[in-house]
Amino acid sequence: MSTKTQMRRRPKSRRSLTEFEEAFRAEVVRERHRLTALRRDSKQRTLRRRQEQTRRRGQFRFVGLIASMVGTAVLVTVVMLETLSWLLG
């Protein structure tokens, strides 16, 4: 090989190393953006899941409250009518 051939290869080698480093840096930046997006999406899913659980618990508690109020009203009415019937009977 001549000296000119070696000189031509050296810059190409340096250029490919530079291109590799630039590509690596770009990949690192893309990966950071991707991880940031994944974290953000994960936080949003967690928030939505908590909101849904809170809503379901609230509905369950509301139904329980209404059922206990209706049950109490029915029980009081029955006891009151039985007592009235016993007193007048």
PDB file of N, CA and C in Angstrom:
ATOM      1  N   MET A   1       0.828  -1.180   0.000  1.00  0.00           N
ATOM      2  CA  MET A   1       0.000   0.000   0.000  1.00  0.00           C
ATOM      3  C   MET A   1       0.870   1.239   0.000  1.00  0.00           C
ATOM      4  N   SER A   2       0.401   2.195  -0.685  1.00  0.00           N
ATOM      5  CA  SER A   2       1.160   3.439  -0.730  1.00  0.00           C
ATOM      6  C   SER A   2       0.757   4.327   0.436  1.00  0.00           C
ATOM      7  N   THR A   3       1.519   5.353   0.645  1.00  0.00           N
ATOM      8  CA  THR A   3       1.257   6.285   1.729  1.00  0.00           C
ATOM      9  C   THR A   3      -0.027   7.055   1.482  1.00  0.00           C
ATOM     10  N   LYS A   4      -0.318   7.339   0.210  1.00  0.00           N
ATOM     11  CA  LYS A   4      -1.549   8.073  -0.109  1.00  0.00           C
ATOM     12  C   LYS A   4      -2.780   7.257   0.258  1.00  0.00           C
ATOM     13  N   THR A   5      -2.727   5.960   0.033  1.00  0.00           N
ATOM     14  CA  THR A   5      -3.867   5.100   0.367  1.00  0.00           C
ATOM     15  C   THR A   5      -4.084   5.078   1.868  1.00  0.00           C
ATOM     16  N   GLN A   6      -3.003   4.993   2.628  1.00  0.00           N
ATOM     17  CA  GLN A   6      -3.122   4.991   4.079  1.00  0.00           C
ATOM     18  C   GLN A   6      -3.687   6.319   4.593  1.00  0.00           C
ATOM     19  N   MET A   7      -3.291   7.420   3.974  1.00  0.00           N
ATOM     20  CA  MET A   7      -3.777   8.726   4.406  1.00  0.00           C
ATOM     21  C   MET A   7      -5.270   8.875   4.118  1.00  0.00           C
ATOM     22  N   ARG A   8      -5.687   8.304   3.013  1.00  0.00           N
ATOM     23  CA  ARG A   8      -7.120   8.389   2.686  1.00  0.00           C
ATOM     24  C   ARG A   8      -7.950   7.562   3.664  1.00  0.00           C
ATOM     25  N   ARG A   9      -7.426   6.432   4.057  1.00  0.00           N
ATOM     26  CA  ARG A   9      -8.181   5.560   4.957  1.00  0.00           C
ATOM     27  C   ARG A   9      -8.300   6.152   6.355  1.00  0.00           C
ATOM     28  N   ARG A  10      -7.303   6.810   6.800  1.00  0.00           N
ATOM     29  CA  ARG A  10      -7.328   7.364   8.154  1.00  0.00           C
ATOM     30  C   ARG A  10      -8.482   8.352   8.344  1.00  0.00           C
ATOM     31  N   PRO A  11      -8.653   9.320   7.478  1.00  0.00           N
ATOM     32  CA  PRO A  11      -9.800  10.216   7.669  1.00  0.00           C
ATOM     33  C   PRO A  11     -11.130   9.477   7.575  1.00  0.00           C
ATOM     34  N   LYS A  12     -11.219   8.475   6.707  1.00  0.00           N
ATOM     35  CA  LYS A  12     -12.457   7.713   6.605  1.00  0.00           C
ATOM     36  C   LYS A  12     -12.720   6.983   7.920  1.00  0.00           C
ATOM     37  N   SER A  13     -11.674   6.422   8.490  1.00  0.00           N
ATOM     38  CA  SER A  13     -11.789   5.741   9.766  1.00  0.00           C
ATOM     39  C   SER A  13     -12.226   6.722  10.850  1.00  0.00           C
ATOM     40  N   ARG A  14     -11.609   7.892  10.869  1.00  0.00           N
ATOM     41  CA  ARG A  14     -11.989   8.901  11.853  1.00  0.00           C
ATOM     42  C   ARG A  14     -13.415   9.381  11.604  1.00  0.00           C
ATOM     43  N   ARG A  15     -13.746   9.509  10.332  1.00  0.00           N
ATOM     44  CA  ARG A  15     -15.088   9.956   9.988  1.00  0.00           C
ATOM     45  C   ARG A  15     -16.108   8.909  10.440  1.00  0.00           C
ATOM     46  N   SER A  16     -15.830   7.655  10.207  1.00  0.00           N
ATOM     47  CA  SER A  16     -16.788   6.626  10.606  1.00  0.00           C
ATOM     48  C   SER A  16     -16.897   6.577  12.133  1.00  0.00           C
ATOM     49  N   LEU A  17     -15.794   6.810  12.838  1.00  0.00           N
ATOM     50  CA  LEU A  17     -15.850   6.857  14.290  1.00  0.00           C
ATOM     51  C   LEU A  17     -16.683   8.052  14.745  1.00  0.00           C
ATOM     52  N   THR A  18     -16.499   9.179  14.078  1.00  0.00           N
ATOM     53  CA  THR A  18     -17.283  10.374  14.398  1.00  0.00           C
ATOM     54  C   THR A  18     -18.759  10.125  14.113  1.00  0.00           C
ATOM     55  N   GLU A  19     -19.043   9.496  12.975  1.00  0.00           N
ATOM     56  CA  GLU A  19     -20.427   9.177  12.637  1.00  0.00           C
ATOM     57  C   GLU A  19     -21.015   8.217  13.667  1.00  0.00           C
ATOM     58  N   PHE A  20     -20.201   7.242  14.085  1.00  0.00           N
ATOM     59  CA  PHE A  20     -20.661   6.297  15.096  1.00  0.00           C
ATOM     60  C   PHE A  20     -20.975   7.026  16.410  1.00  0.00           C
ATOM     61  N   GLU A  21     -20.086   7.935  16.819  1.00  0.00           N
ATOM     62  CA  GLU A  21     -20.315   8.687  18.056  1.00  0.00           C
ATOM     63  C   GLU A  21     -21.567   9.555  17.950  1.00  0.00           C
ATOM     64  N   GLU A  22     -21.753  10.198  16.805  1.00  0.00           N
ATOM     65  CA  GLU A  22     -22.953  11.020  16.612  1.00  0.00           C
ATOM     66  C   GLU A  22     -24.213  10.159  16.637  1.00  0.00           C
ATOM     67  N   ALA A  23     -24.142   9.012  15.988  1.00  0.00           N
ATOM     68  CA  ALA A  23     -25.291   8.110  15.980  1.00  0.00           C
ATOM     69  C   ALA A  23     -25.582   7.619  17.405  1.00  0.00           C
ATOM     70  N   PHE A  24     -24.505   7.334  18.138  1.00  0.00           N
ATOM     71  CA  PHE A  24     -24.674   6.883  19.522  1.00  0.00           C
ATOM     72  C   PHE A  24     -25.328   7.973  20.369  1.00  0.00           C
ATOM     73  N   ARG A  25     -24.860   9.200  20.225  1.00  0.00           N
ATOM     74  CA  ARG A  25     -25.447  10.314  20.978  1.00  0.00           C
ATOM     75  C   ARG A  25     -26.923  10.495  20.612  1.00  0.00           C
ATOM     76  N   ALA A  26     -27.214  10.410  19.318  1.00  0.00           N
ATOM     77  CA  ALA A  26     -28.605  10.550  18.872  1.00  0.00           C
ATOM     78  C   ALA A  26     -29.465   9.431  19.457  1.00  0.00           C
ATOM     79  N   GLU A  27     -28.919   8.228  19.493  1.00  0.00           N
ATOM     80  CA  GLU A  27     -29.655   7.096  20.056  1.00  0.00           C
ATOM     81  C   GLU A  27     -29.880   7.297  21.551  1.00  0.00           C
ATOM     82  N   VAL A  28     -28.897   7.823  22.247  1.00  0.00           N
ATOM     83  CA  VAL A  28     -29.048   8.095  23.681  1.00  0.00           C
ATOM     84  C   VAL A  28     -30.154   9.127  23.898  1.00  0.00           C
ATOM     85  N   VAL A  29     -30.176  10.158  23.077  1.00  0.00           N
ATOM     86  CA  VAL A  29     -31.218  11.189  23.200  1.00  0.00           C
ATOM     87  C   VAL A  29     -32.596  10.585  22.928  1.00  0.00           C
ATOM     88  N   ARG A  30     -32.698   9.763  21.868  1.00  0.00           N
ATOM     89  CA  ARG A  30     -33.979   9.116  21.558  1.00  0.00           C
ATOM     90  C   ARG A  30     -34.417   8.215  22.704  1.00  0.00           C
ATOM     91  N   GLU A  31     -33.478   7.482  23.269  1.00  0.00           N
ATOM     92  CA  GLU A  31     -33.795   6.575  24.378  1.00  0.00           C
ATOM     93  C   GLU A  31     -34.269   7.356  25.601  1.00  0.00           C
ATOM     94  N   ARG A  32     -33.634   8.489  25.884  1.00  0.00           N
ATOM     95  CA  ARG A  32     -34.074   9.316  27.016  1.00  0.00           C
ATOM     96  C   ARG A  32     -35.497   9.824  26.801  1.00  0.00           C
ATOM     97  N   HIS A  33     -35.780  10.267  25.574  1.00  0.00           N
ATOM     98  CA  HIS A  33     -37.135  10.745  25.261  1.00  0.00           C
ATOM     99  C   HIS A  33     -38.145   9.607  25.401  1.00  0.00           C
ATOM    100  N   ARG A  34     -37.763   8.430  24.925  1.00  0.00           N
ATOM    101  CA  ARG A  34     -38.650   7.273  24.999  1.00  0.00           C
ATOM    102  C   ARG A  34     -38.933   6.913  26.466  1.00  0.00           C
ATOM    103  N   LEU A  35     -37.879   6.900  27.289  1.00  0.00           N
ATOM    104  CA  LEU A  35     -38.062   6.577  28.707  1.00  0.00           C
ATOM    105  C   LEU A  35     -38.909   7.631  29.420  1.00  0.00           C
ATOM    106  N   THR A  36     -38.695   8.885  29.058  1.00  0.00           N
ATOM    107  CA  THR A  36     -39.508   9.957  29.641  1.00  0.00           C
ATOM    108  C   THR A  36     -40.976   9.759  29.274  1.00  0.00           C
ATOM    109  N   ALA A  37     -41.227   9.433  28.019  1.00  0.00           N
ATOM    110  CA  ALA A  37     -42.606   9.202  27.571  1.00  0.00           C
ATOM    111  C   ALA A  37     -43.204   7.985  28.284  1.00  0.00           C
ATOM    112  N   LEU A  38     -42.408   6.929  28.469  1.00  0.00           N
ATOM    113  CA  LEU A  38     -42.906   5.746  29.167  1.00  0.00           C
ATOM    114  C   LEU A  38     -43.251   6.063  30.614  1.00  0.00           C
ATOM    115  N   ARG A  39     -42.407   6.849  31.273  1.00  0.00           N
ATOM    116  CA  ARG A  39     -42.697   7.237  32.660  1.00  0.00           C
ATOM    117  C   ARG A  39     -43.980   8.058  32.730  1.00  0.00           C
ATOM    118  N   ARG A  40     -44.122   9.009  31.809  1.00  0.00           N
ATOM    119  CA  ARG A  40     -45.318   9.860  31.792  1.00  0.00           C
ATOM    120  C   ARG A  40     -46.572   9.010  31.564  1.00  0.00           C
ATOM    121  N   ASP A  41     -46.498   8.087  30.601  1.00  0.00           N
ATOM    122  CA  ASP A  41     -47.649   7.230  30.326  1.00  0.00           C
ATOM    123  C   ASP A  41     -47.977   6.341  31.527  1.00  0.00           C
ATOM    124  N   SER A  42     -46.936   5.854  32.188  1.00  0.00           N
ATOM    125  CA  SER A  42     -47.140   5.010  33.365  1.00  0.00           C
ATOM    126  C   SER A  42     -47.831   5.798  34.477  1.00  0.00           C
ATOM    127  N   LYS A  43     -47.394   7.026  34.696  1.00  0.00           N
ATOM    128  CA  LYS A  43     -48.025   7.860  35.722  1.00  0.00           C
ATOM    129  C   LYS A  43     -49.485   8.129  35.382  1.00  0.00           C
ATOM    130  N   GLN A  44     -49.771   8.371  34.102  1.00  0.00           N
ATOM    131  CA  GLN A  44     -51.153   8.631  33.689  1.00  0.00           C
ATOM    132  C   GLN A  44     -52.029   7.399  33.886  1.00  0.00           C
ATOM    133  N   ARG A  45     -51.490   6.213  33.546  1.00  0.00           N
ATOM    134  CA  ARG A  45     -52.255   4.982  33.752  1.00  0.00           C
ATOM    135  C   ARG A  45     -52.531   4.752  35.232  1.00  0.00           C
ATOM    136  N   THR A  46     -51.525   5.010  36.069  1.00  0.00           N
ATOM    137  CA  THR A  46     -51.699   4.846  37.516  1.00  0.00           C
ATOM    138  C   THR A  46     -52.764   5.797  38.036  1.00  0.00           C
ATOM    139  N   LEU A  47     -52.722   7.043  37.586  1.00  0.00           N
ATOM    140  CA  LEU A  47     -53.722   8.026  38.013  1.00  0.00           C
ATOM    141  C   LEU A  47     -55.120   7.604  37.585  1.00  0.00           C
ATOM    142  N   ARG A  48     -55.260   7.166  36.323  1.00  0.00           N
ATOM    143  CA  ARG A  48     -56.570   6.712  35.833  1.00  0.00           C
ATOM    144  C   ARG A  48     -57.064   5.511  36.641  1.00  0.00           C
ATOM    145  N   ARG A  49     -56.168   4.571  36.945  1.00  0.00           N
ATOM    146  CA  ARG A  49     -56.539   3.389  37.718  1.00  0.00           C
ATOM    147  C   ARG A  49     -57.014   3.785  39.109  1.00  0.00           C
ATOM    148  N   ARG A  50     -56.307   4.700  39.766  1.00  0.00           N
ATOM    149  CA  ARG A  50     -56.719   5.156  41.100  1.00  0.00           C
ATOM    150  C   ARG A  50     -58.068   5.851  41.054  1.00  0.00           C
ATOM    151  N   GLN A  51     -58.275   6.688  40.025  1.00  0.00           N
ATOM    152  CA  GLN A  51     -59.556   7.379  39.901  1.00  0.00           C
ATOM    153  C   GLN A  51     -60.687   6.381  39.706  1.00  0.00           C
ATOM    154  N   GLU A  52     -60.451   5.359  38.885  1.00  0.00           N
ATOM    155  CA  GLU A  52     -61.479   4.343  38.640  1.00  0.00           C
ATOM    156  C   GLU A  52     -61.777   3.563  39.925  1.00  0.00           C
ATOM    157  N   GLN A  53     -60.741   3.210  40.681  1.00  0.00           N
ATOM    158  CA  GLN A  53     -60.953   2.497  41.943  1.00  0.00           C
ATOM    159  C   GLN A  53     -61.740   3.361  42.928  1.00  0.00           C
ATOM    160  N   THR A  54     -61.394   4.636  43.011  1.00  0.00           N
ATOM    161  CA  THR A  54     -62.101   5.552  43.904  1.00  0.00           C
ATOM    162  C   THR A  54     -63.570   5.667  43.505  1.00  0.00           C
ATOM    163  N   ARG A  55     -63.821   5.762  42.194  1.00  0.00           N
ATOM    164  CA  ARG A  55     -65.194   5.859  41.708  1.00  0.00           C
ATOM    165  C   ARG A  55     -65.981   4.591  42.053  1.00  0.00           C
ATOM    166  N   ARG A  56     -65.373   3.415  41.832  1.00  0.00           N
ATOM    167  CA  ARG A  56     -66.054   2.161  42.136  1.00  0.00           C
ATOM    168  C   ARG A  56     -66.349   2.035  43.629  1.00  0.00           C
ATOM    169  N   ARG A  57     -65.374   2.387  44.459  1.00  0.00           N
ATOM    170  CA  ARG A  57     -65.596   2.330  45.914  1.00  0.00           C
ATOM    171  C   ARG A  57     -66.712   3.285  46.327  1.00  0.00           C
ATOM    172  N   GLY A  58     -66.718   4.477  45.726  1.00  0.00           N
ATOM    173  CA  GLY A  58     -67.761   5.456  46.036  1.00  0.00           C
ATOM    174  C   GLY A  58     -69.135   4.940  45.653  1.00  0.00           C
ATOM    175  N   GLN A  59     -69.238   4.297  44.493  1.00  0.00           N
ATOM    176  CA  GLN A  59     -70.523   3.746  44.070  1.00  0.00           C
ATOM    177  C   GLN A  59     -70.979   2.654  45.033  1.00  0.00           C
ATOM    178  N   PHE A  60     -70.045   1.791  45.423  1.00  0.00           N
ATOM    179  CA  PHE A  60     -70.376   0.707  46.353  1.00  0.00           C
ATOM    180  C   PHE A  60     -70.857   1.268  47.684  1.00  0.00           C
ATOM    181  N   ARG A  61     -70.169   2.266  48.186  1.00  0.00           N
ATOM    182  CA  ARG A  61     -70.565   2.877  49.460  1.00  0.00           C
ATOM    183  C   ARG A  61     -71.928   3.561  49.354  1.00  0.00           C
ATOM    184  N   PHE A  62     -72.169   4.215  48.222  1.00  0.00           N
ATOM    185  CA  PHE A  62     -73.447   4.890  48.017  1.00  0.00           C
ATOM    186  C   PHE A  62     -74.585   3.873  47.996  1.00  0.00           C
ATOM    187  N   VAL A  63     -74.391   2.775  47.268  1.00  0.00           N
ATOM    188  CA  VAL A  63     -75.425   1.733  47.214  1.00  0.00           C
ATOM    189  C   VAL A  63     -75.648   1.150  48.603  1.00  0.00           C
ATOM    190  N   GLY A  64     -74.571   0.944  49.352  1.00  0.00           N
ATOM    191  CA  GLY A  64     -74.709   0.431  50.724  1.00  0.00           C
ATOM    192  C   GLY A  64     -75.472   1.393  51.613  1.00  0.00           C
ATOM    193  N   LEU A  65     -75.200   2.680  51.479  1.00  0.00           N
ATOM    194  CA  LEU A  65     -75.893   3.696  52.266  1.00  0.00           C
ATOM    195  C   LEU A  65     -77.391   3.702  51.950  1.00  0.00           C
ATOM    196  N   ILE A  66     -77.721   3.684  50.662  1.00  0.00           N
ATOM    197  CA  ILE A  66     -79.136   3.689  50.255  1.00  0.00           C
ATOM    198  C   ILE A  66     -79.831   2.425  50.749  1.00  0.00           C
ATOM    199  N   ALA A  67     -79.169   1.289  50.626  1.00  0.00           N
ATOM    200  CA  ALA A  67     -79.770   0.019  51.079  1.00  0.00           C
ATOM    201  C   ALA A  67     -80.011   0.043  52.590  1.00  0.00           C
ATOM    202  N   SER A  68     -79.050   0.565  53.338  1.00  0.00           N
ATOM    203  CA  SER A  68     -79.242   0.609  54.796  1.00  0.00           C
ATOM    204  C   SER A  68     -80.358   1.573  55.168  1.00  0.00           C
ATOM    205  N   MET A  69     -80.479   2.688  54.459  1.00  0.00           N
ATOM    206  CA  MET A  69     -81.563   3.636  54.761  1.00  0.00           C
ATOM    207  C   MET A  69     -82.927   3.027  54.442  1.00  0.00           C
ATOM    208  N   VAL A  70     -83.038   2.365  53.305  1.00  0.00           N
ATOM    209  CA  VAL A  70     -84.310   1.731  52.939  1.00  0.00           C
ATOM    210  C   VAL A  70     -84.621   0.616  53.922  1.00  0.00           C
ATOM    211  N   GLY A  71     -83.626  -0.183  54.259  1.00  0.00           N
ATOM    212  CA  GLY A  71     -83.842  -1.267  55.229  1.00  0.00           C
ATOM    213  C   GLY A  71     -84.288  -0.737  56.574  1.00  0.00           C
ATOM    214  N   THR A  72     -83.673   0.322  57.034  1.00  0.00           N
ATOM    215  CA  THR A  72     -84.054   0.923  58.310  1.00  0.00           C
ATOM    216  C   THR A  72     -85.479   1.447  58.257  1.00  0.00           C
ATOM    217  N   ALA A  73     -85.840   2.112  57.159  1.00  0.00           N
ATOM    218  CA  ALA A  73     -87.206   2.642  57.023  1.00  0.00           C
ATOM    219  C   ALA A  73     -88.225   1.516  57.028  1.00  0.00           C
ATOM    220  N   VAL A  74     -87.929   0.433  56.323  1.00  0.00           N
ATOM    221  CA  VAL A  74     -88.852  -0.707  56.282  1.00  0.00           C
ATOM    222  C   VAL A  74     -88.964  -1.328  57.667  1.00  0.00           C
ATOM    223  N   LEU A  75     -87.843  -1.540  58.334  1.00  0.00           N
ATOM    224  CA  LEU A  75     -87.853  -2.153  59.667  1.00  0.00           C
ATOM    225  C   LEU A  75     -88.636  -1.295  60.668  1.00  0.00           C
ATOM    226  N   VAL A  76     -88.390   0.001  60.656  1.00  0.00           N
ATOM    227  CA  VAL A  76     -89.100   0.902  61.577  1.00  0.00           C
ATOM    228  C   VAL A  76     -90.598   0.879  61.279  1.00  0.00           C
ATOM    229  N   THR A  77     -90.977   0.883  60.024  1.00  0.00           N
ATOM    230  CA  THR A  77     -92.396   0.860  59.653  1.00  0.00           C
ATOM    231  C   THR A  77     -93.057  -0.424  60.125  1.00  0.00           C
ATOM    232  N   VAL A  78     -92.405  -1.547  59.899  1.00  0.00           N
ATOM    233  CA  VAL A  78     -92.987  -2.842  60.308  1.00  0.00           C
ATOM    234  C   VAL A  78     -93.126  -2.897  61.824  1.00  0.00           C
ATOM    235  N   VAL A  79     -92.078  -2.507  62.549  1.00  0.00           N
ATOM    236  CA  VAL A  79     -92.133  -2.545  64.017  1.00  0.00           C
ATOM    237  C   VAL A  79     -93.204  -1.591  64.534  1.00  0.00           C
ATOM    238  N   MET A  80     -93.316  -0.420  63.932  1.00  0.00           N
ATOM    239  CA  MET A  80     -94.310   0.547  64.365  1.00  0.00           C
ATOM    240  C   MET A  80     -95.722   0.013  64.127  1.00  0.00           C
ATOM    241  N   LEU A  81     -95.976  -0.576  62.977  1.00  0.00           N
ATOM    242  CA  LEU A  81     -97.309  -1.106  62.690  1.00  0.00           C
ATOM    243  C   LEU A  81     -97.635  -2.310  63.579  1.00  0.00           C
ATOM    244  N   GLU A  82     -96.633  -3.148  63.847  1.00  0.00           N
ATOM    245  CA  GLU A  82     -96.868  -4.299  64.738  1.00  0.00           C
ATOM    246  C   GLU A  82     -97.187  -3.833  66.147  1.00  0.00           C
ATOM    247  N   THR A  83     -96.451  -2.818  66.598  1.00  0.00           N
ATOM    248  CA  THR A  83     -96.689  -2.274  67.935  1.00  0.00           C
ATOM    249  C   THR A  83     -98.079  -1.648  68.014  1.00  0.00           C
ATOM    250  N   LEU A  84     -98.453  -0.887  66.986  1.00  0.00           N
ATOM    251  CA  LEU A  84     -99.777  -0.255  66.944  1.00  0.00           C
ATOM    252  C   LEU A  84    -100.864  -1.311  66.925  1.00  0.00           C
ATOM    253  N   SER A  85    -100.629  -2.370  66.138  1.00  0.00           N
ATOM    254  CA  SER A  85    -101.605  -3.455  66.060  1.00  0.00           C
ATOM    255  C   SER A  85    -101.730  -4.158  67.409  1.00  0.00           C
ATOM    256  N   TRP A  86    -100.639  -4.328  68.112  1.00  0.00           N
ATOM    257  CA  TRP A  86    -100.650  -4.986  69.421  1.00  0.00           C
ATOM    258  C   TRP A  86    -101.382  -4.126  70.456  1.00  0.00           C
ATOM    259  N   LEU A  87    -101.121  -2.794  70.390  1.00  0.00           N
ATOM    260  CA  LEU A  87    -101.763  -1.890  71.349  1.00  0.00           C
ATOM    261  C   LEU A  87    -103.267  -1.787  71.121  1.00  0.00           C
ATOM    262  N   LEU A  88    -103.688  -1.778  69.864  1.00  0.00           N
ATOM    263  CA  LEU A  88    -105.113  -1.623  69.573  1.00  0.00           C
ATOM    264  C   LEU A  88    -105.858  -2.962  69.570  1.00  0.00           C
ATOM    265  N   GLY A  89    -105.126  -4.037  69.460  1.00  0.00           N
ATOM    266  CA  GLY A  89    -105.727  -5.347  69.285  1.00  0.00           C
ATOM    267  C   GLY A  89    -106.244  -5.993  70.456  1.00  0.00           C
TER     268      GLY A  89
END
